[in-house]
């Protein structure tokens, strides 16, 4: 003899299910190249067109061309928990 559950049990006291994502270190892409270039400009009187800083400008441009930004995935755990919360 099997019983059908008419009303499934609900979680008590939880109005919304949510998981906090892990915090990632905020790393600045090309940060070292940018700092080196700004330091070079500061050492040469603030002139941005000096020949001494040309190799640092090229290094920064190369880094910015090769670095790609991360895209956030669409279906996160919070999305699935929200869907589960609607069913409960």
N, C-alpha and C. Protein backbone atom coordinates (compact mmCIF):
# COMPACT_ATOMS: atom_id res chain seq x y z
N UNK A 1 0.84 -1.16 0.00
CA UNK A 1 0.00 0.00 0.00
C UNK A 1 0.90 1.24 0.00
N UNK A 2 0.83 2.04 -1.03
CA UNK A 2 1.65 3.25 -1.12
C UNK A 2 0.78 4.48 -0.95
N UNK A 3 1.32 5.44 -0.23
CA UNK A 3 0.60 6.68 0.00
C UNK A 3 1.13 7.75 -0.94
N UNK A 4 0.25 8.54 -1.45
CA UNK A 4 0.66 9.67 -2.28
C UNK A 4 0.81 10.90 -1.38
N UNK A 5 1.88 11.63 -1.58
CA UNK A 5 2.09 12.84 -0.81
C UNK A 5 1.37 13.97 -1.53
N UNK A 6 0.38 14.53 -0.87
CA UNK A 6 -0.41 15.59 -1.47
C UNK A 6 0.36 16.90 -1.42
N UNK A 7 0.87 17.25 -0.27
CA UNK A 7 1.64 18.48 -0.10
C UNK A 7 3.07 18.11 0.29
N UNK A 8 4.04 18.32 -0.59
CA UNK A 8 5.41 17.98 -0.23
C UNK A 8 5.90 18.89 0.90
N UNK A 9 6.79 18.41 1.74
CA UNK A 9 7.28 19.24 2.85
C UNK A 9 8.08 20.43 2.34
N UNK A 10 7.90 21.57 2.99
CA UNK A 10 8.63 22.78 2.63
C UNK A 10 9.70 23.06 3.67
N UNK A 11 10.75 23.70 3.25
CA UNK A 11 11.81 24.08 4.17
C UNK A 11 11.31 25.22 5.05
N UNK A 12 11.49 25.08 6.34
CA UNK A 12 11.02 26.08 7.28
C UNK A 12 12.04 27.20 7.45
N UNK A 13 11.61 28.44 7.40
CA UNK A 13 12.46 29.57 7.70
C UNK A 13 13.36 30.03 6.56
N UNK A 14 13.34 29.38 5.43
CA UNK A 14 14.16 29.82 4.30
C UNK A 14 13.26 30.43 3.25
N UNK A 15 13.31 31.74 3.14
CA UNK A 15 12.47 32.38 2.14
C UNK A 15 13.11 32.32 0.76
N UNK A 16 14.44 32.28 0.73
CA UNK A 16 15.13 32.25 -0.55
C UNK A 16 16.43 31.47 -0.40
N UNK A 17 16.65 30.52 -1.29
CA UNK A 17 17.88 29.74 -1.27
C UNK A 17 18.95 30.49 -2.05
N UNK A 18 20.16 30.58 -1.50
CA UNK A 18 21.22 31.31 -2.18
C UNK A 18 22.57 30.79 -1.70
N UNK A 19 23.51 30.67 -2.62
CA UNK A 19 24.87 30.27 -2.31
C UNK A 19 25.78 31.43 -2.65
N UNK A 20 26.67 31.77 -1.76
CA UNK A 20 27.61 32.85 -2.03
C UNK A 20 28.76 32.30 -2.86
N UNK A 21 29.09 32.96 -3.96
CA UNK A 21 30.21 32.48 -4.78
C UNK A 21 31.53 32.74 -4.08
N UNK A 22 32.53 31.94 -4.42
CA UNK A 22 33.86 32.15 -3.87
C UNK A 22 34.42 33.45 -4.42
N UNK A 23 35.07 34.19 -3.55
CA UNK A 23 35.66 35.45 -3.99
C UNK A 23 36.97 35.17 -4.70
N UNK A 24 37.10 35.75 -5.86
CA UNK A 24 38.33 35.62 -6.61
C UNK A 24 39.18 36.85 -6.35
N UNK A 25 40.48 36.65 -6.39
CA UNK A 25 41.35 37.80 -6.26
C UNK A 25 41.17 38.69 -7.48
N UNK A 26 41.07 39.97 -7.23
CA UNK A 26 40.93 40.91 -8.34
C UNK A 26 42.30 41.16 -8.95
N UNK A 27 42.63 40.36 -9.92
CA UNK A 27 43.90 40.55 -10.60
C UNK A 27 43.67 41.46 -11.79
N UNK A 28 44.51 42.42 -11.92
CA UNK A 28 44.39 43.37 -13.02
C UNK A 28 45.23 42.84 -14.17
N UNK A 29 44.59 42.51 -15.29
CA UNK A 29 45.39 42.06 -16.42
C UNK A 29 46.27 43.21 -16.92
N UNK A 30 47.49 42.91 -17.21
CA UNK A 30 48.48 43.88 -17.71
C UNK A 30 48.81 44.94 -16.66
N UNK A 31 48.60 44.65 -15.40
CA UNK A 31 48.87 45.62 -14.34
C UNK A 31 50.34 45.95 -14.19
N UNK A 32 51.20 44.95 -14.33
CA UNK A 32 52.64 45.20 -14.20
C UNK A 32 53.15 46.06 -15.34
N UNK A 33 52.67 45.80 -16.55
CA UNK A 33 53.09 46.59 -17.70
C UNK A 33 52.63 48.04 -17.57
N UNK A 34 51.39 48.22 -17.07
CA UNK A 34 50.86 49.58 -16.89
C UNK A 34 51.66 50.33 -15.83
N UNK A 35 51.98 49.67 -14.72
CA UNK A 35 52.76 50.32 -13.65
C UNK A 35 54.15 50.70 -14.14
N UNK A 36 54.78 49.82 -14.92
CA UNK A 36 56.11 50.13 -15.45
C UNK A 36 56.06 51.32 -16.40
N UNK A 37 55.03 51.38 -17.24
CA UNK A 37 54.91 52.49 -18.18
C UNK A 37 54.66 53.81 -17.45
N UNK A 38 53.78 53.80 -16.46
CA UNK A 38 53.52 55.03 -15.71
C UNK A 38 54.75 55.49 -14.94
N UNK A 39 55.52 54.53 -14.40
CA UNK A 39 56.77 54.88 -13.72
C UNK A 39 57.78 55.48 -14.66
N UNK A 40 57.86 54.95 -15.87
CA UNK A 40 58.78 55.50 -16.87
C UNK A 40 58.39 56.92 -17.24
N UNK A 41 57.10 57.15 -17.44
CA UNK A 41 56.64 58.50 -17.77
C UNK A 41 56.94 59.47 -16.63
N UNK A 42 56.78 59.00 -15.39
CA UNK A 42 57.04 59.86 -14.24
C UNK A 42 58.53 60.21 -14.16
N UNK A 43 59.39 59.25 -14.45
CA UNK A 43 60.84 59.49 -14.38
C UNK A 43 61.33 60.44 -15.47
N UNK A 44 60.58 60.54 -16.55
CA UNK A 44 61.01 61.39 -17.67
C UNK A 44 60.17 62.67 -17.77
N UNK A 45 59.74 63.18 -16.64
CA UNK A 45 59.08 64.48 -16.60
C UNK A 45 57.65 64.50 -17.11
N UNK A 46 56.98 63.37 -17.16
CA UNK A 46 55.58 63.34 -17.57
C UNK A 46 55.36 63.41 -19.07
N UNK A 47 56.42 63.31 -19.85
CA UNK A 47 56.27 63.35 -21.31
C UNK A 47 55.95 61.94 -21.80
N UNK A 48 54.83 61.81 -22.50
CA UNK A 48 54.38 60.49 -22.93
C UNK A 48 54.98 60.04 -24.24
N UNK A 49 55.70 60.90 -24.93
CA UNK A 49 56.24 60.52 -26.24
C UNK A 49 57.76 60.34 -26.21
N UNK A 50 58.31 59.93 -25.06
CA UNK A 50 59.76 59.74 -24.98
C UNK A 50 60.16 58.42 -25.61
N UNK A 51 61.36 58.39 -26.18
CA UNK A 51 61.86 57.19 -26.84
C UNK A 51 62.25 56.12 -25.82
N UNK A 52 62.57 56.52 -24.58
CA UNK A 52 62.98 55.56 -23.56
C UNK A 52 61.82 54.65 -23.14
N UNK A 53 60.60 55.12 -23.27
CA UNK A 53 59.43 54.35 -22.84
C UNK A 53 58.75 53.61 -24.00
N UNK A 54 59.32 53.66 -25.19
CA UNK A 54 58.68 53.06 -26.36
C UNK A 54 58.54 51.55 -26.22
N UNK A 55 59.55 50.88 -25.64
CA UNK A 55 59.45 49.43 -25.48
C UNK A 55 58.37 49.05 -24.47
N UNK A 56 58.16 49.89 -23.44
CA UNK A 56 57.10 49.62 -22.46
C UNK A 56 55.71 49.84 -23.07
N UNK A 57 55.60 50.83 -23.95
CA UNK A 57 54.33 51.06 -24.65
C UNK A 57 53.99 49.85 -25.52
N UNK A 58 54.99 49.33 -26.23
CA UNK A 58 54.77 48.17 -27.09
C UNK A 58 54.39 46.94 -26.26
N UNK A 59 55.03 46.77 -25.09
CA UNK A 59 54.71 45.63 -24.22
C UNK A 59 53.28 45.72 -23.70
N UNK A 60 52.84 46.93 -23.32
CA UNK A 60 51.47 47.11 -22.84
C UNK A 60 50.46 46.86 -23.95
N UNK A 61 50.72 47.36 -25.14
CA UNK A 61 49.81 47.14 -26.26
C UNK A 61 49.71 45.65 -26.59
N UNK A 62 50.84 44.95 -26.56
CA UNK A 62 50.84 43.51 -26.83
C UNK A 62 50.04 42.75 -25.77
N UNK A 63 50.21 43.14 -24.52
CA UNK A 63 49.47 42.49 -23.44
C UNK A 63 47.97 42.72 -23.58
N UNK A 64 47.58 43.94 -23.93
CA UNK A 64 46.15 44.25 -24.05
C UNK A 64 45.52 43.53 -25.24
N UNK A 65 46.28 43.27 -26.28
CA UNK A 65 45.74 42.54 -27.43
C UNK A 65 45.55 41.07 -27.13
N UNK A 66 46.44 40.49 -26.31
CA UNK A 66 46.38 39.05 -26.06
C UNK A 66 45.51 38.68 -24.88
N UNK A 67 45.18 39.62 -24.00
CA UNK A 67 44.38 39.32 -22.82
C UNK A 67 42.90 39.34 -23.18
N UNK A 68 42.19 38.30 -22.74
CA UNK A 68 40.75 38.21 -22.98
C UNK A 68 40.03 38.26 -21.64
N UNK A 69 38.87 38.89 -21.63
CA UNK A 69 38.07 38.96 -20.42
C UNK A 69 37.30 37.67 -20.22
N UNK A 70 37.08 37.32 -18.96
CA UNK A 70 36.28 36.14 -18.65
C UNK A 70 34.80 36.50 -18.77
N UNK A 71 34.03 35.59 -19.33
CA UNK A 71 32.60 35.81 -19.40
C UNK A 71 31.92 34.92 -18.37
N UNK A 72 30.90 35.44 -17.75
CA UNK A 72 30.20 34.70 -16.71
C UNK A 72 29.24 33.72 -17.38
N UNK A 73 29.20 32.50 -16.85
CA UNK A 73 28.31 31.51 -17.41
C UNK A 73 26.87 31.87 -17.07
N UNK A 74 25.95 31.48 -17.92
CA UNK A 74 24.55 31.86 -17.75
C UNK A 74 23.89 31.12 -16.59
N UNK A 75 24.04 29.81 -16.53
CA UNK A 75 23.35 29.02 -15.53
C UNK A 75 24.24 28.80 -14.32
N UNK A 76 24.08 29.64 -13.31
CA UNK A 76 24.85 29.50 -12.09
C UNK A 76 24.06 28.67 -11.09
N UNK A 77 24.70 28.34 -9.98
CA UNK A 77 24.03 27.56 -8.95
C UNK A 77 22.85 28.33 -8.37
N UNK A 78 22.96 29.67 -8.30
CA UNK A 78 21.85 30.47 -7.77
C UNK A 78 20.63 30.40 -8.70
N UNK A 79 20.86 30.31 -9.99
CA UNK A 79 19.76 30.18 -10.95
C UNK A 79 19.01 28.87 -10.70
N UNK A 80 19.76 27.79 -10.52
CA UNK A 80 19.13 26.49 -10.32
C UNK A 80 18.45 26.41 -8.95
N UNK A 81 19.03 27.05 -7.93
CA UNK A 81 18.37 27.07 -6.62
C UNK A 81 17.08 27.86 -6.66
N UNK A 82 17.04 28.93 -7.43
CA UNK A 82 15.81 29.71 -7.57
C UNK A 82 14.73 28.88 -8.25
N UNK A 83 15.11 28.12 -9.25
CA UNK A 83 14.14 27.25 -9.92
C UNK A 83 13.64 26.17 -8.97
N UNK A 84 14.55 25.60 -8.17
CA UNK A 84 14.17 24.57 -7.21
C UNK A 84 13.25 25.15 -6.15
N UNK A 85 13.52 26.39 -5.72
CA UNK A 85 12.68 27.03 -4.71
C UNK A 85 11.25 27.24 -5.18
N UNK A 86 11.07 27.45 -6.48
CA UNK A 86 9.72 27.63 -7.03
C UNK A 86 8.94 26.32 -7.02
N UNK A 87 9.66 25.21 -7.16
CA UNK A 87 8.99 23.91 -7.19
C UNK A 87 8.63 23.40 -5.80
N UNK A 88 9.37 23.84 -4.79
CA UNK A 88 9.10 23.36 -3.42
C UNK A 88 7.95 24.06 -2.78
